[in-house]
C-alpha atoms as a PDB file:
ATOM      1  CA  UNK A   1      18.716  -0.453 -10.303  1.00  0.00           C
ATOM      2  CA  UNK A   2      18.485   2.080  -7.465  1.00  0.00           C
ATOM      3  CA  UNK A   3      14.937   2.985  -8.471  1.00  0.00           C
ATOM      4  CA  UNK A   4      13.821  -0.645  -8.041  1.00  0.00           C
ATOM      5  CA  UNK A   5      15.582  -0.799  -4.671  1.00  0.00           C
ATOM      6  CA  UNK A   6      13.725   2.381  -3.679  1.00  0.00           C
ATOM      7  CA  UNK A   7      10.396   0.804  -4.686  1.00  0.00           C
ATOM      8  CA  UNK A   8      11.199  -2.228  -2.535  1.00  0.00           C
ATOM      9  CA  UNK A   9      12.183  -0.138   0.488  1.00  0.00           C
ATOM     10  CA  UNK A  10       9.238   2.266   0.236  1.00  0.00           C
ATOM     11  CA  UNK A  11       6.908  -0.656  -0.532  1.00  0.00           C
ATOM     12  CA  UNK A  12       8.093  -2.549   2.529  1.00  0.00           C
ATOM     13  CA  UNK A  13       7.649   0.449   4.795  1.00  0.00           C
ATOM     14  CA  UNK A  14       4.253   1.329   3.301  1.00  0.00           C
ATOM     15  CA  UNK A  15       2.989  -2.257   3.571  1.00  0.00           C
ATOM     16  CA  UNK A  16       4.202  -2.461   7.153  1.00  0.00           C
ATOM     17  CA  UNK A  17       2.494   0.831   8.103  1.00  0.00           C
ATOM     18  CA  UNK A  18      -0.772  -0.214   6.423  1.00  0.00           C
ATOM     19  CA  UNK A  19      -0.645  -3.609   8.162  1.00  0.00           C
ATOM     20  CA  UNK A  20      -0.062  -1.895  11.507  1.00  0.00           C
ATOM     21  CA  UNK A  21      -3.012   0.411  10.894  1.00  0.00           C
ATOM     22  CA  UNK A  22      -5.232  -2.472   9.821  1.00  0.00           C
ATOM     23  CA  UNK A  23      -4.538  -5.198  12.351  1.00  0.00           C
ATOM     24  CA  UNK A  24      -1.914  -3.908  14.741  1.00  0.00           C
ATOM     25  CA  UNK A  25       1.009  -5.984  13.459  1.00  0.00           C
ATOM     26  CA  UNK A  26       2.977  -6.427  10.269  1.00  0.00           C
ATOM     27  CA  UNK A  27       2.303  -9.237   7.805  1.00  0.00           C
ATOM     28  CA  UNK A  28       5.879 -10.354   7.217  1.00  0.00           C
ATOM     29  CA  UNK A  29       8.597  -8.797   5.098  1.00  0.00           C
ATOM     30  CA  UNK A  30       7.671 -10.239   1.689  1.00  0.00           C
ATOM     31  CA  UNK A  31       3.932  -9.634   2.072  1.00  0.00           C
ATOM     32  CA  UNK A  32       4.580  -6.079   3.291  1.00  0.00           C
ATOM     33  CA  UNK A  33       6.802  -5.346   0.279  1.00  0.00           C
ATOM     34  CA  UNK A  34       4.286  -6.750  -2.217  1.00  0.00           C
ATOM     35  CA  UNK A  35       1.402  -5.003  -0.445  1.00  0.00           C
ATOM     36  CA  UNK A  36       3.281  -1.686  -0.432  1.00  0.00           C
ATOM     37  CA  UNK A  37       4.300  -1.853  -4.106  1.00  0.00           C
ATOM     38  CA  UNK A  38       0.775  -2.841  -5.172  1.00  0.00           C
ATOM     39  CA  UNK A  39      -0.534  -0.131  -2.853  1.00  0.00           C
ATOM     40  CA  UNK A  40       1.660   2.414  -4.608  1.00  0.00           C
ATOM     41  CA  UNK A  41       0.088   1.465  -7.938  1.00  0.00           C
ATOM     42  CA  UNK A  42      -3.465   1.533  -6.560  1.00  0.00           C
ATOM     43  CA  UNK A  43      -2.858   4.715  -4.571  1.00  0.00           C
ATOM     44  CA  UNK A  44      -1.346   6.444  -7.598  1.00  0.00           C
ATOM     45  CA  UNK A  45      -4.374   5.500  -9.690  1.00  0.00           C
ATOM     46  CA  UNK A  46      -6.824   6.730  -7.046  1.00  0.00           C
ATOM     47  CA  UNK A  47      -4.901   9.957  -6.476  1.00  0.00           C
ATOM     48  CA  UNK A  48      -4.849  10.651 -10.238  1.00  0.00           C
ATOM     49  CA  UNK A  49      -8.613  10.088 -10.395  1.00  0.00           C
ATOM     50  CA  UNK A  50      -9.010  12.689  -7.658  1.00  0.00           C
ATOM     51  CA  UNK A  51      -6.716  15.125  -9.494  1.00  0.00           C
ATOM     52  CA  UNK A  52      -3.921  14.804  -6.932  1.00  0.00           C
ATOM     53  CA  UNK A  53      -0.256  14.023  -7.460  1.00  0.00           C
ATOM     54  CA  UNK A  54       2.378  12.853  -5.010  1.00  0.00           C
ATOM     55  CA  UNK A  55       5.868  14.300  -5.128  1.00  0.00           C
ATOM     56  CA  UNK A  56       9.069  13.098  -3.556  1.00  0.00           C
ATOM     57  CA  UNK A  57       9.763  10.254  -1.197  1.00  0.00           C
ATOM     58  CA  UNK A  58       7.210  11.269   1.431  1.00  0.00           C
ATOM     59  CA  UNK A  59       4.498  11.705  -1.187  1.00  0.00           C
ATOM     60  CA  UNK A  60       5.266   8.276  -2.604  1.00  0.00           C
ATOM     61  CA  UNK A  61       5.152   6.759   0.868  1.00  0.00           C
ATOM     62  CA  UNK A  62       1.785   8.348   1.685  1.00  0.00           C
ATOM     63  CA  UNK A  63       0.384   7.243  -1.684  1.00  0.00           C
ATOM     64  CA  UNK A  64       1.588   3.668  -1.147  1.00  0.00           C
ATOM     65  CA  UNK A  65       0.202   3.534   2.405  1.00  0.00           C
ATOM     66  CA  UNK A  66      -3.210   4.792   1.266  1.00  0.00           C
ATOM     67  CA  UNK A  67      -3.254   2.288  -1.606  1.00  0.00           C
ATOM     68  CA  UNK A  68      -2.116  -0.603   0.606  1.00  0.00           C
ATOM     69  CA  UNK A  69      -4.788   0.244   3.165  1.00  0.00           C
ATOM     70  CA  UNK A  70      -7.397   0.247   0.385  1.00  0.00           C
ATOM     71  CA  UNK A  71      -6.182  -3.178  -0.750  1.00  0.00           C
ATOM     72  CA  UNK A  72      -6.451  -4.532   2.793  1.00  0.00           C
ATOM     73  CA  UNK A  73      -9.949  -3.100   3.079  1.00  0.00           C
ATOM     74  CA  UNK A  74     -11.004  -4.643  -0.251  1.00  0.00           C
ATOM     75  CA  UNK A  75      -9.599  -8.018   0.786  1.00  0.00           C
ATOM     76  CA  UNK A  76     -11.536  -7.920   4.060  1.00  0.00           C
ATOM     77  CA  UNK A  77     -14.692  -6.760   2.284  1.00  0.00           C
ATOM     78  CA  UNK A  78     -14.635  -9.606  -0.236  1.00  0.00           C
ATOM     79  CA  UNK A  79     -13.731 -12.203   2.398  1.00  0.00           C
ATOM     80  CA  UNK A  80     -16.678 -11.055   4.502  1.00  0.00           C
ATOM     81  CA  UNK A  81     -19.013 -11.126   1.477  1.00  0.00           C
ATOM     82  CA  UNK A  82     -17.972 -14.700   0.590  1.00  0.00           C
ATOM     83  CA  UNK A  83     -18.921 -16.035   4.034  1.00  0.00           C
ATOM     84  CA  UNK A  84     -22.607 -15.234   3.560  1.00  0.00           C
END
């Protein structure tokens, strides 16, 4: 139970940080949480491909922020490609 709560808290913070980096403001609590949790999955996958591993709360947060930022970048890339 506490592990899931930790995912939600870290996901919310990571999504918020990535949103701030991307567009200068957050995207709302629910979107930030979903973005951060999905970012943690994507970031973990990318870090494993690069032979890296995150440890502890700060490592998880950095991994989730990197993954969330990648998701935001991919979303913008595909939205831009569709307009052509």
